[in-house]
PDB file of N, CA and C in Angstrom:
ATOM      1  N   MET A   1     -11.489-157.759  44.884  1.00  0.00           N
ATOM      2  CA  MET A   1     -10.969-156.839  45.829  1.00  0.00           C
ATOM      3  C   MET A   1     -11.493-157.470  47.278  1.00  0.00           C
ATOM      4  N   LEU A   2     -10.787-157.304  48.223  1.00  0.00           N
ATOM      5  CA  LEU A   2     -10.950-157.906  49.679  1.00  0.00           C
ATOM      6  C   LEU A   2     -10.610-157.011  50.654  1.00  0.00           C
ATOM      7  N   ILE A   3     -11.505-156.776  51.489  1.00  0.00           N
ATOM      8  CA  ILE A   3     -11.405-155.858  52.818  1.00  0.00           C
ATOM      9  C   ILE A   3     -11.271-157.065  53.932  1.00  0.00           C
ATOM     10  N   SER A   4     -10.131-156.752  54.604  1.00  0.00           N
ATOM     11  CA  SER A   4      -9.860-157.701  55.819  1.00  0.00           C
ATOM     12  C   SER A   4      -9.619-156.789  57.064  1.00  0.00           C
ATOM     13  N   GLU A   5      -9.587-157.462  58.279  1.00  0.00           N
ATOM     14  CA  GLU A   5      -9.239-156.728  59.518  1.00  0.00           C
ATOM     15  C   GLU A   5      -8.603-157.671  60.437  1.00  0.00           C
ATOM     16  N   ILE A   6      -7.586-157.149  61.058  1.00  0.00           N
ATOM     17  CA  ILE A   6      -6.862-158.294  62.064  1.00  0.00           C
ATOM     18  C   ILE A   6      -7.219-157.842  63.345  1.00  0.00           C
ATOM     19  N   ILE A   7      -7.855-158.688  64.098  1.00  0.00           N
ATOM     20  CA  ILE A   7      -8.277-158.485  65.453  1.00  0.00           C
ATOM     21  C   ILE A   7      -7.536-159.522  66.412  1.00  0.00           C
ATOM     22  N   ASN A   8      -6.840-159.251  67.205  1.00  0.00           N
ATOM     23  CA  ASN A   8      -6.187-160.065  68.087  1.00  0.00           C
ATOM     24  C   ASN A   8      -5.381-161.176  67.535  1.00  0.00           C
ATOM     25  N   GLU A   9      -4.719-160.898  66.394  1.00  0.00           N
ATOM     26  CA  GLU A   9      -3.698-161.580  65.389  1.00  0.00           C
ATOM     27  C   GLU A   9      -4.690-162.681  64.688  1.00  0.00           C
ATOM     28  N   ILE A  10      -5.806-162.436  64.537  1.00  0.00           N
ATOM     29  CA  ILE A  10      -6.821-163.315  63.595  1.00  0.00           C
ATOM     30  C   ILE A  10      -7.373-162.403  62.427  1.00  0.00           C
ATOM     31  N   GLU A  11      -7.258-162.671  61.310  1.00  0.00           N
ATOM     32  CA  GLU A  11      -7.485-161.778  60.159  1.00  0.00           C
ATOM     33  C   GLU A  11      -9.047-162.326  59.755  1.00  0.00           C
ATOM     34  N   TYR A  12      -9.918-161.347  59.671  1.00  0.00           N
ATOM     35  CA  TYR A  12     -11.251-161.522  59.274  1.00  0.00           C
ATOM     36  C   TYR A  12     -11.565-160.984  58.056  1.00  0.00           C
ATOM     37  N   VAL A  13     -12.276-161.647  57.187  1.00  0.00           N
ATOM     38  CA  VAL A  13     -12.692-161.043  55.898  1.00  0.00           C
ATOM     39  C   VAL A  13     -13.891-160.333  56.342  1.00  0.00           C
ATOM     40  N   ARG A  14     -13.984-158.866  55.702  1.00  0.00           N
ATOM     41  CA  ARG A  14     -15.150-157.899  56.142  1.00  0.00           C
ATOM     42  C   ARG A  14     -15.952-157.909  54.777  1.00  0.00           C
ATOM     43  N   ASP A  15     -15.408-157.808  53.512  1.00  0.00           N
ATOM     44  CA  ASP A  15     -16.071-157.812  52.349  1.00  0.00           C
ATOM     45  C   ASP A  15     -15.401-158.128  51.189  1.00  0.00           C
ATOM     46  N   PHE A  16     -15.868-158.781  50.182  1.00  0.00           N
ATOM     47  CA  PHE A  16     -15.046-158.946  49.019  1.00  0.00           C
ATOM     48  C   PHE A  16     -15.974-158.710  47.846  1.00  0.00           C
ATOM     49  N   LEU A  17     -15.366-158.592  46.794  1.00  0.00           N
ATOM     50  CA  LEU A  17     -15.956-158.379  45.429  1.00  0.00           C
ATOM     51  C   LEU A  17     -15.307-158.930  44.466  1.00  0.00           C
ATOM     52  N   ILE A  18     -15.838-159.787  43.413  1.00  0.00           N
ATOM     53  CA  ILE A  18     -15.314-160.475  42.318  1.00  0.00           C
ATOM     54  C   ILE A  18     -15.575-159.661  41.160  1.00  0.00           C
ATOM     55  N   ILE A  19     -14.684-159.173  40.479  1.00  0.00           N
ATOM     56  CA  ILE A  19     -14.747-158.592  39.254  1.00  0.00           C
ATOM     57  C   ILE A  19     -14.316-159.294  37.932  1.00  0.00           C
ATOM     58  N   LYS A  20     -15.181-159.383  37.031  1.00  0.00           N
ATOM     59  CA  LYS A  20     -14.886-160.429  35.980  1.00  0.00           C
ATOM     60  C   LYS A  20     -14.091-159.430  34.906  1.00  0.00           C
ATOM     61  N   LYS A  21     -13.135-160.035  34.193  1.00  0.00           N
ATOM     62  CA  LYS A  21     -12.300-159.197  33.353  1.00  0.00           C
ATOM     63  C   LYS A  21     -13.227-159.251  31.911  1.00  0.00           C
ATOM     64  N   ARG A  22     -13.425-157.982  31.587  1.00  0.00           N
ATOM     65  CA  ARG A  22     -13.979-157.704  30.350  1.00  0.00           C
ATOM     66  C   ARG A  22     -13.341-157.866  29.069  1.00  0.00           C
ATOM     67  N   THR A  23     -11.924-157.616  29.298  1.00  0.00           N
ATOM     68  CA  THR A  23     -10.958-157.760  28.162  1.00  0.00           C
ATOM     69  C   THR A  23      -9.682-158.389  28.832  1.00  0.00           C
ATOM     70  N   PRO A  24      -8.749-159.050  28.109  1.00  0.00           N
ATOM     71  CA  PRO A  24      -7.544-159.664  28.754  1.00  0.00           C
ATOM     72  C   PRO A  24      -6.777-158.411  29.350  1.00  0.00           C
ATOM     73  N   GLU A  25      -7.037-157.362  29.134  1.00  0.00           N
ATOM     74  CA  GLU A  25      -6.291-156.170  29.751  1.00  0.00           C
ATOM     75  C   GLU A  25      -6.831-155.566  30.990  1.00  0.00           C
ATOM     76  N   THR A  26      -8.156-155.925  31.424  1.00  0.00           N
ATOM     77  CA  THR A  26      -8.726-155.539  32.590  1.00  0.00           C
ATOM     78  C   THR A  26      -7.970-155.628  33.685  1.00  0.00           C
ATOM     79  N   THR A  27      -7.931-154.501  34.545  1.00  0.00           N
ATOM     80  CA  THR A  27      -7.100-154.647  35.715  1.00  0.00           C
ATOM     81  C   THR A  27      -7.712-153.603  36.740  1.00  0.00           C
ATOM     82  N   LEU A  28      -7.271-153.657  38.079  1.00  0.00           N
ATOM     83  CA  LEU A  28      -7.725-152.780  39.117  1.00  0.00           C
ATOM     84  C   LEU A  28      -6.454-151.700  39.146  1.00  0.00           C
ATOM     85  N   ALA A  29      -6.986-150.374  39.461  1.00  0.00           N
ATOM     86  CA  ALA A  29      -5.919-149.433  39.757  1.00  0.00           C
ATOM     87  C   ALA A  29      -6.422-148.368  40.625  1.00  0.00           C
ATOM     88  N   ASP A  30      -5.481-147.792  41.448  1.00  0.00           N
ATOM     89  CA  ASP A  30      -5.837-146.732  42.259  1.00  0.00           C
ATOM     90  C   ASP A  30      -4.733-145.765  42.173  1.00  0.00           C
ATOM     91  N   GLY A  31      -5.240-144.666  42.929  1.00  0.00           N
ATOM     92  CA  GLY A  31      -4.133-143.516  42.923  1.00  0.00           C
ATOM     93  C   GLY A  31      -4.912-142.337  43.011  1.00  0.00           C
ATOM     94  N   ALA A  32      -4.367-140.991  42.633  1.00  0.00           N
ATOM     95  CA  ALA A  32      -4.947-139.993  42.531  1.00  0.00           C
ATOM     96  C   ALA A  32      -6.016-139.883  41.331  1.00  0.00           C
ATOM     97  N   VAL A  33      -7.224-139.790  41.876  1.00  0.00           N
ATOM     98  CA  VAL A  33      -8.616-139.681  40.721  1.00  0.00           C
ATOM     99  C   VAL A  33      -9.017-138.381  40.916  1.00  0.00           C
ATOM    100  N   GLN A  34      -9.140-137.804  39.652  1.00  0.00           N
ATOM    101  CA  GLN A  34     -10.074-136.455  39.717  1.00  0.00           C
ATOM    102  C   GLN A  34     -11.461-136.877  39.196  1.00  0.00           C
ATOM    103  N   VAL A  35     -12.472-136.547  40.010  1.00  0.00           N
ATOM    104  CA  VAL A  35     -13.752-136.855  39.843  1.00  0.00           C
ATOM    105  C   VAL A  35     -14.543-135.714  39.446  1.00  0.00           C
ATOM    106  N   ASN A  36     -15.403-135.965  38.275  1.00  0.00           N
ATOM    107  CA  ASN A  36     -16.378-135.184  37.528  1.00  0.00           C
ATOM    108  C   ASN A  36     -15.496-133.689  37.351  1.00  0.00           C
ATOM    109  N   ASN A  37     -14.352-133.731  36.879  1.00  0.00           N
ATOM    110  CA  ASN A  37     -13.519-132.420  36.523  1.00  0.00           C
ATOM    111  C   ASN A  37     -13.405-131.529  37.678  1.00  0.00           C
ATOM    112  N   GLY A  38     -13.442-132.202  38.943  1.00  0.00           N
ATOM    113  CA  GLY A  38     -13.379-131.436  40.110  1.00  0.00           C
ATOM    114  C   GLY A  38     -12.300-131.823  41.141  1.00  0.00           C
ATOM    115  N   ASP A  39     -12.817-132.113  42.191  1.00  0.00           N
ATOM    116  CA  ASP A  39     -11.695-132.540  43.350  1.00  0.00           C
ATOM    117  C   ASP A  39     -11.240-133.870  43.066  1.00  0.00           C
ATOM    118  N   PHE A  40     -10.040-133.949  43.868  1.00  0.00           N
ATOM    119  CA  PHE A  40      -9.325-135.342  43.689  1.00  0.00           C
ATOM    120  C   PHE A  40      -9.853-136.155  44.795  1.00  0.00           C
ATOM    121  N   ASP A  41      -9.827-137.588  44.731  1.00  0.00           N
ATOM    122  CA  ASP A  41      -9.990-138.454  45.614  1.00  0.00           C
ATOM    123  C   ASP A  41      -8.996-139.459  45.455  1.00  0.00           C
ATOM    124  N   TRP A  42      -8.447-139.754  46.840  1.00  0.00           N
ATOM    125  CA  TRP A  42      -7.165-140.849  46.827  1.00  0.00           C
ATOM    126  C   TRP A  42      -7.732-142.309  47.252  1.00  0.00           C
ATOM    127  N   GLU A  43      -9.055-142.380  47.510  1.00  0.00           N
ATOM    128  CA  GLU A  43      -9.526-143.602  48.126  1.00  0.00           C
ATOM    129  C   GLU A  43     -10.421-144.547  47.235  1.00  0.00           C
ATOM    130  N   LEU A  44     -10.285-144.196  45.715  1.00  0.00           N
ATOM    131  CA  LEU A  44     -11.216-144.864  44.869  1.00  0.00           C
ATOM    132  C   LEU A  44     -10.102-146.087  44.312  1.00  0.00           C
ATOM    133  N   THR A  45     -10.681-146.961  44.085  1.00  0.00           N
ATOM    134  CA  THR A  45     -10.182-148.166  43.002  1.00  0.00           C
ATOM    135  C   THR A  45     -11.178-148.345  41.743  1.00  0.00           C
ATOM    136  N   VAL A  46     -10.553-148.160  40.674  1.00  0.00           N
ATOM    137  CA  VAL A  46     -10.997-148.178  39.353  1.00  0.00           C
ATOM    138  C   VAL A  46     -10.773-149.495  38.598  1.00  0.00           C
ATOM    139  N   VAL A  47     -11.902-149.751  37.729  1.00  0.00           N
ATOM    140  CA  VAL A  47     -11.720-151.068  36.786  1.00  0.00           C
ATOM    141  C   VAL A  47     -11.215-150.568  35.408  1.00  0.00           C
ATOM    142  N   VAL A  48      -9.992-150.695  34.856  1.00  0.00           N
ATOM    143  CA  VAL A  48      -9.660-150.272  33.915  1.00  0.00           C
ATOM    144  C   VAL A  48      -9.699-151.333  32.782  1.00  0.00           C
ATOM    145  N   ASN A  49     -10.162-151.055  31.677  1.00  0.00           N
ATOM    146  CA  ASN A  49     -10.448-152.249  30.702  1.00  0.00           C
ATOM    147  C   ASN A  49      -9.491-152.258  29.591  1.00  0.00           C
ATOM    148  N   ARG A  50      -8.599-151.600  29.446  1.00  0.00           N
ATOM    149  CA  ARG A  50      -7.640-151.583  28.425  1.00  0.00           C
ATOM    150  C   ARG A  50      -6.486-151.009  28.610  1.00  0.00           C
ATOM    151  N   ARG A  51      -5.511-151.031  27.673  1.00  0.00           N
ATOM    152  CA  ARG A  51      -4.285-150.502  27.947  1.00  0.00           C
ATOM    153  C   ARG A  51      -4.520-149.049  28.368  1.00  0.00           C
ATOM    154  N   TRP A  52      -4.024-148.526  29.434  1.00  0.00           N
ATOM    155  CA  TRP A  52      -4.320-147.247  30.251  1.00  0.00           C
ATOM    156  C   TRP A  52      -4.085-145.955  29.110  1.00  0.00           C
ATOM    157  N   ARG A  53      -5.003-145.311  28.864  1.00  0.00           N
ATOM    158  CA  ARG A  53      -4.843-144.019  28.026  1.00  0.00           C
ATOM    159  C   ARG A  53      -5.166-142.741  28.839  1.00  0.00           C
ATOM    160  N   GLY A  54      -5.895-142.901  30.108  1.00  0.00           N
ATOM    161  CA  GLY A  54      -5.914-141.886  31.088  1.00  0.00           C
ATOM    162  C   GLY A  54      -7.293-141.201  30.942  1.00  0.00           C
ATOM    163  N   SER A  55      -8.341-141.954  30.152  1.00  0.00           N
ATOM    164  CA  SER A  55      -9.569-141.222  29.829  1.00  0.00           C
ATOM    165  C   SER A  55     -10.683-141.939  30.513  1.00  0.00           C
ATOM    166  N   THR A  56     -11.900-141.358  30.919  1.00  0.00           N
ATOM    167  CA  THR A  56     -13.118-142.122  31.573  1.00  0.00           C
ATOM    168  C   THR A  56     -13.387-143.370  30.446  1.00  0.00           C
ATOM    169  N   ASP A  57     -13.116-143.282  29.246  1.00  0.00           N
ATOM    170  CA  ASP A  57     -13.672-144.358  28.459  1.00  0.00           C
ATOM    171  C   ASP A  57     -12.914-145.634  28.807  1.00  0.00           C
ATOM    172  N   ASP A  58     -11.599-145.731  29.465  1.00  0.00           N
ATOM    173  CA  ASP A  58     -10.902-146.840  29.826  1.00  0.00           C
ATOM    174  C   ASP A  58     -11.467-147.179  31.109  1.00  0.00           C
ATOM    175  N   ILE A  59     -12.233-146.776  31.836  1.00  0.00           N
ATOM    176  CA  ILE A  59     -12.813-147.025  33.115  1.00  0.00           C
ATOM    177  C   ILE A  59     -14.242-147.517  33.128  1.00  0.00           C
ATOM    178  N   SER A  60     -14.647-148.620  33.654  1.00  0.00           N
ATOM    179  CA  SER A  60     -16.028-149.175  33.585  1.00  0.00           C
ATOM    180  C   SER A  60     -16.566-148.942  35.030  1.00  0.00           C
ATOM    181  N   GLN A  61     -15.700-148.996  35.994  1.00  0.00           N
ATOM    182  CA  GLN A  61     -16.465-149.112  37.247  1.00  0.00           C
ATOM    183  C   GLN A  61     -15.515-148.443  38.226  1.00  0.00           C
ATOM    184  N   ALA A  62     -15.992-147.877  39.361  1.00  0.00           N
ATOM    185  CA  ALA A  62     -15.262-147.379  40.497  1.00  0.00           C
ATOM    186  C   ALA A  62     -15.730-147.794  41.734  1.00  0.00           C
ATOM    187  N   PHE A  63     -14.962-148.036  42.797  1.00  0.00           N
ATOM    188  CA  PHE A  63     -15.461-148.402  43.944  1.00  0.00           C
ATOM    189  C   PHE A  63     -14.730-147.695  45.133  1.00  0.00           C
ATOM    190  N   LYS A  64     -15.302-147.472  46.245  1.00  0.00           N
ATOM    191  CA  LYS A  64     -14.754-146.903  47.463  1.00  0.00           C
ATOM    192  C   LYS A  64     -14.944-147.735  48.729  1.00  0.00           C
ATOM    193  N   ILE A  65     -14.307-147.983  49.463  1.00  0.00           N
ATOM    194  CA  ILE A  65     -14.286-148.582  50.828  1.00  0.00           C
ATOM    195  C   ILE A  65     -15.063-147.596  51.867  1.00  0.00           C
ATOM    196  N   ASN A  66     -16.053-148.025  52.362  1.00  0.00           N
ATOM    197  CA  ASN A  66     -16.763-147.306  53.410  1.00  0.00           C
ATOM    198  C   ASN A  66     -16.164-147.832  54.723  1.00  0.00           C
ATOM    199  N   PHE A  67     -15.177-147.156  55.112  1.00  0.00           N
ATOM    200  CA  PHE A  67     -14.657-147.437  56.638  1.00  0.00           C
ATOM    201  C   PHE A  67     -15.443-147.612  57.800  1.00  0.00           C
ATOM    202  N   GLU A  68     -16.554-147.000  57.698  1.00  0.00           N
ATOM    203  CA  GLU A  68     -17.501-147.103  58.944  1.00  0.00           C
ATOM    204  C   GLU A  68     -18.152-148.492  58.820  1.00  0.00           C
ATOM    205  N   THR A  69     -18.517-149.065  57.687  1.00  0.00           N
ATOM    206  CA  THR A  69     -19.308-150.103  57.505  1.00  0.00           C
ATOM    207  C   THR A  69     -18.192-151.420  57.055  1.00  0.00           C
ATOM    208  N   LYS A  70     -17.089-150.827  56.795  1.00  0.00           N
ATOM    209  CA  LYS A  70     -16.153-151.956  56.257  1.00  0.00           C
ATOM    210  C   LYS A  70     -16.677-152.714  55.050  1.00  0.00           C
ATOM    211  N   LYS A  71     -17.195-152.082  54.299  1.00  0.00           N
ATOM    212  CA  LYS A  71     -17.891-152.513  53.028  1.00  0.00           C
ATOM    213  C   LYS A  71     -17.569-151.808  51.605  1.00  0.00           C
ATOM    214  N   ILE A  72     -17.479-152.570  50.693  1.00  0.00           N
ATOM    215  CA  ILE A  72     -16.968-151.993  49.350  1.00  0.00           C
ATOM    216  C   ILE A  72     -18.102-151.553  48.666  1.00  0.00           C
ATOM    217  N   GLU A  73     -18.247-150.247  48.336  1.00  0.00           N
ATOM    218  CA  GLU A  73     -19.365-149.548  47.846  1.00  0.00           C
ATOM    219  C   GLU A  73     -19.158-149.103  46.304  1.00  0.00           C
ATOM    220  N   PRO A  74     -20.142-149.274  45.381  1.00  0.00           N
ATOM    221  CA  PRO A  74     -20.012-148.725  43.974  1.00  0.00           C
ATOM    222  C   PRO A  74     -19.809-147.102  44.258  1.00  0.00           C
ATOM    223  N   PHE A  75     -19.125-146.550  43.325  1.00  0.00           N
ATOM    224  CA  PHE A  75     -18.973-145.161  43.368  1.00  0.00           C
ATOM    225  C   PHE A  75     -19.387-144.476  41.784  1.00  0.00           C
ATOM    226  N   SER A  76     -20.409-143.696  41.946  1.00  0.00           N
ATOM    227  CA  SER A  76     -20.976-142.976  40.704  1.00  0.00           C
ATOM    228  C   SER A  76     -20.185-141.760  40.345  1.00  0.00           C
ATOM    229  N   PHE A  77     -20.177-141.853  38.879  1.00  0.00           N
ATOM    230  CA  PHE A  77     -19.124-140.721  38.376  1.00  0.00           C
ATOM    231  C   PHE A  77     -19.845-140.454  36.988  1.00  0.00           C
ATOM    232  N   ILE A  78     -19.531-139.261  36.451  1.00  0.00           N
ATOM    233  CA  ILE A  78     -19.799-138.846  35.283  1.00  0.00           C
ATOM    234  C   ILE A  78     -18.379-138.813  34.366  1.00  0.00           C
ATOM    235  N   THR A  79     -17.206-138.329  35.083  1.00  0.00           N
ATOM    236  CA  THR A  79     -15.911-138.445  34.514  1.00  0.00           C
ATOM    237  C   THR A  79     -15.000-138.856  35.662  1.00  0.00           C
ATOM    238  N   LEU A  80     -14.244-139.564  35.233  1.00  0.00           N
ATOM    239  CA  LEU A  80     -13.042-139.980  36.178  1.00  0.00           C
ATOM    240  C   LEU A  80     -11.684-139.938  35.330  1.00  0.00           C
ATOM    241  N   ARG A  81     -10.666-139.293  36.048  1.00  0.00           N
ATOM    242  CA  ARG A  81      -9.184-139.288  35.329  1.00  0.00           C
ATOM    243  C   ARG A  81      -8.408-139.865  36.553  1.00  0.00           C
ATOM    244  N   LEU A  82      -7.767-140.818  36.205  1.00  0.00           N
ATOM    245  CA  LEU A  82      -6.875-141.525  37.101  1.00  0.00           C
ATOM    246  C   LEU A  82      -5.411-140.972  36.551  1.00  0.00           C
ATOM    247  N   TYR A  83      -4.587-140.290  37.522  1.00  0.00           N
ATOM    248  CA  TYR A  83      -3.253-139.956  37.425  1.00  0.00           C
ATOM    249  C   TYR A  83      -2.262-140.971  37.677  1.00  0.00           C
ATOM    250  N   SER A  84      -1.349-141.337  36.847  1.00  0.00           N
ATOM    251  CA  SER A  84      -0.270-142.241  37.181  1.00  0.00           C
ATOM    252  C   SER A  84       0.604-141.681  38.000  1.00  0.00           C
ATOM    253  N   GLU A  85       1.138-142.326  39.036  1.00  0.00           N
ATOM    254  CA  GLU A  85       2.117-142.022  40.049  1.00  0.00           C
ATOM    255  C   GLU A  85       3.427-141.872  39.523  1.00  0.00           C
ATOM    256  N   VAL A  86       3.584-142.446  37.984  1.00  0.00           N
ATOM    257  CA  VAL A  86       4.972-142.391  37.475  1.00  0.00           C
ATOM    258  C   VAL A  86       5.138-140.877  36.836  1.00  0.00           C
TER     259      VAL A  86
END
């Protein structure tokens, strides 16, 4: 994951995160995410570890960008459900 910002036509890297693959199918996903069976959040990026089946078991980590500090921060959850846009 990479956060960059363009100032005066120069792109600056503000933060980055290297995520190792746990399985060959590990990927990053984002979209509408239901957090702890409650509200939705559209600003989370999750690490999905196998072919997507839509459950928390498929997700090992979640991250959110803090727009004030321009840093990637871990996001704690009990359950997450990522909804496909398709």
